[in-house]
């Protein structure tokens, strides 16, 4: 399998491939925050079709633009990057407002969490 920029696979596979390749990986999860508490809950659905952009903050260069899958996830590799070298930007869809910050800089390649609530 060749290394791609976007892999929609399980997080464990990402971790194994990332560790073997020496490249950092990003994961993000977007959910509909029904109660607006900023924390994913068991009855709060994942949101597909939400855009997340990955940017190198030191240069402002756009590394990639990704759309969440049916599980509300993106998984991307960053060739030659280290964890924390990039920021993830959530594009808030029309009709929603964020319940979490719209920019994440996850340390240690942790998953970024983005909550969205329907506008009243």
Protein backbone atom coordinates (compact mmCIF):
# COMPACT_ATOMS: atom_id res chain seq x y z
CA UNK A 1 0.00 0.00 0.00
CA UNK A 2 1.39 3.41 -0.88
CA UNK A 3 1.37 6.19 1.68
CA UNK A 4 -1.52 8.61 1.01
CA UNK A 5 -2.37 12.03 2.34
CA UNK A 6 -5.80 10.93 3.60
CA UNK A 7 -6.63 7.52 4.94
CA UNK A 8 -10.10 6.69 6.21
CA UNK A 9 -9.10 3.74 8.35
CA UNK A 10 -9.10 2.79 12.01
CA UNK A 11 -7.04 4.91 14.38
CA UNK A 12 -4.87 1.94 15.35
CA UNK A 13 -3.73 1.44 11.76
CA UNK A 14 -2.89 5.15 11.53
CA UNK A 15 -0.79 4.90 14.65
CA UNK A 16 1.11 1.86 13.39
CA UNK A 17 1.76 3.35 9.96
CA UNK A 18 2.71 6.70 11.46
CA UNK A 19 5.17 5.10 13.85
CA UNK A 20 6.73 3.03 11.07
CA UNK A 21 7.00 5.86 8.55
CA UNK A 22 8.32 8.57 10.87
CA UNK A 23 5.53 10.94 9.75
CA UNK A 24 3.01 12.60 12.03
CA UNK A 25 -0.69 11.90 11.70
CA UNK A 26 -3.81 13.89 12.46
CA UNK A 27 -7.20 12.69 13.47
CA UNK A 28 -10.27 14.79 14.14
CA UNK A 29 -13.80 13.99 15.21
CA UNK A 30 -16.86 16.22 14.64
CA UNK A 31 -20.15 15.60 16.40
CA UNK A 32 -23.49 17.33 16.81
CA UNK A 33 -23.35 18.67 20.35
CA UNK A 34 -27.04 18.35 21.21
CA UNK A 35 -26.67 19.66 24.77
CA UNK A 36 -24.01 22.27 23.94
CA UNK A 37 -21.56 21.15 26.65
CA UNK A 38 -18.51 20.84 24.36
CA UNK A 39 -18.06 17.13 25.17
CA UNK A 40 -19.12 14.23 22.92
CA UNK A 41 -21.89 12.20 24.53
CA UNK A 42 -23.24 8.71 23.84
CA UNK A 43 -26.42 9.99 22.16
CA UNK A 44 -24.79 12.76 20.13
CA UNK A 45 -24.35 11.81 16.47
CA UNK A 46 -21.19 12.09 14.39
CA UNK A 47 -21.34 14.66 11.58
CA UNK A 48 -20.35 13.68 8.06
CA UNK A 49 -19.45 16.19 5.36
CA UNK A 50 -17.79 18.80 7.59
CA UNK A 51 -14.63 20.47 6.21
CA UNK A 52 -11.42 20.56 8.25
CA UNK A 53 -8.30 22.28 6.97
CA UNK A 54 -4.78 21.48 8.14
CA UNK A 55 -2.36 24.43 8.20
CA UNK A 56 1.28 24.83 9.17
CA UNK A 57 1.10 27.81 11.58
CA UNK A 58 4.73 28.85 11.09
CA UNK A 59 4.19 29.53 7.39
CA UNK A 60 0.40 29.69 7.05
CA UNK A 61 0.68 27.08 4.30
CA UNK A 62 -2.42 24.97 3.74
CA UNK A 63 -1.40 21.33 3.96
CA UNK A 64 -4.77 19.86 3.13
CA UNK A 65 -8.53 20.19 3.11
CA UNK A 66 -10.52 17.17 4.30
CA UNK A 67 -14.18 16.23 4.70
CA UNK A 68 -15.37 14.09 7.61
CA UNK A 69 -16.61 10.61 6.80
CA UNK A 70 -19.83 8.92 8.02
CA UNK A 71 -18.21 8.43 11.44
CA UNK A 72 -17.41 12.17 11.71
CA UNK A 73 -13.68 11.49 11.31
CA UNK A 74 -10.73 12.56 9.23
CA UNK A 75 -7.38 10.83 9.35
CA UNK A 76 -4.42 12.37 7.54
CA UNK A 77 -0.66 11.83 7.35
CA UNK A 78 1.84 14.69 7.36
CA UNK A 79 5.00 13.55 5.59
CA UNK A 80 8.06 14.84 7.41
CA UNK A 81 6.06 16.69 10.09
CA UNK A 82 6.15 16.20 13.84
CA UNK A 83 3.13 16.24 16.11
CA UNK A 84 2.21 19.80 16.99
CA UNK A 85 3.70 21.24 13.77
CA UNK A 86 0.23 21.94 12.37
CA UNK A 87 -3.18 23.34 13.30
CA UNK A 88 -6.60 21.97 12.39
CA UNK A 89 -9.29 24.49 11.41
CA UNK A 90 -12.99 23.61 11.53
CA UNK A 91 -15.21 25.16 8.85
CA UNK A 92 -18.53 25.70 10.61
CA UNK A 93 -21.43 24.65 8.35
CA UNK A 94 -24.38 26.98 7.80
CA UNK A 95 -27.03 26.58 10.47
CA UNK A 96 -24.57 25.55 13.21
CA UNK A 97 -22.41 27.28 15.81
CA UNK A 98 -19.32 25.79 17.48
CA UNK A 99 -19.36 24.52 21.07
CA UNK A 100 -15.59 23.99 21.06
CA UNK A 101 -12.74 26.14 19.71
CA UNK A 102 -12.63 26.08 15.89
CA UNK A 103 -8.81 25.80 15.83
CA UNK A 104 -6.98 22.88 17.44
CA UNK A 105 -3.26 22.22 17.86
CA UNK A 106 -3.34 18.69 19.29
CA UNK A 107 -0.17 17.74 21.15
CA UNK A 108 1.28 14.25 20.90
CA UNK A 109 -0.87 13.46 17.83
CA UNK A 110 -4.03 13.35 19.94
CA UNK A 111 -7.43 13.50 18.25
CA UNK A 112 -8.92 16.97 17.81
CA UNK A 113 -12.55 17.24 18.95
CA UNK A 114 -14.98 19.67 17.32
CA UNK A 115 -18.56 20.08 18.56
CA UNK A 116 -21.33 21.79 16.59
CA UNK A 117 -24.81 22.75 17.71
CA UNK A 118 -27.75 23.76 15.53
CA UNK A 119 -28.55 27.44 15.63
CA UNK A 120 -31.83 28.11 17.47
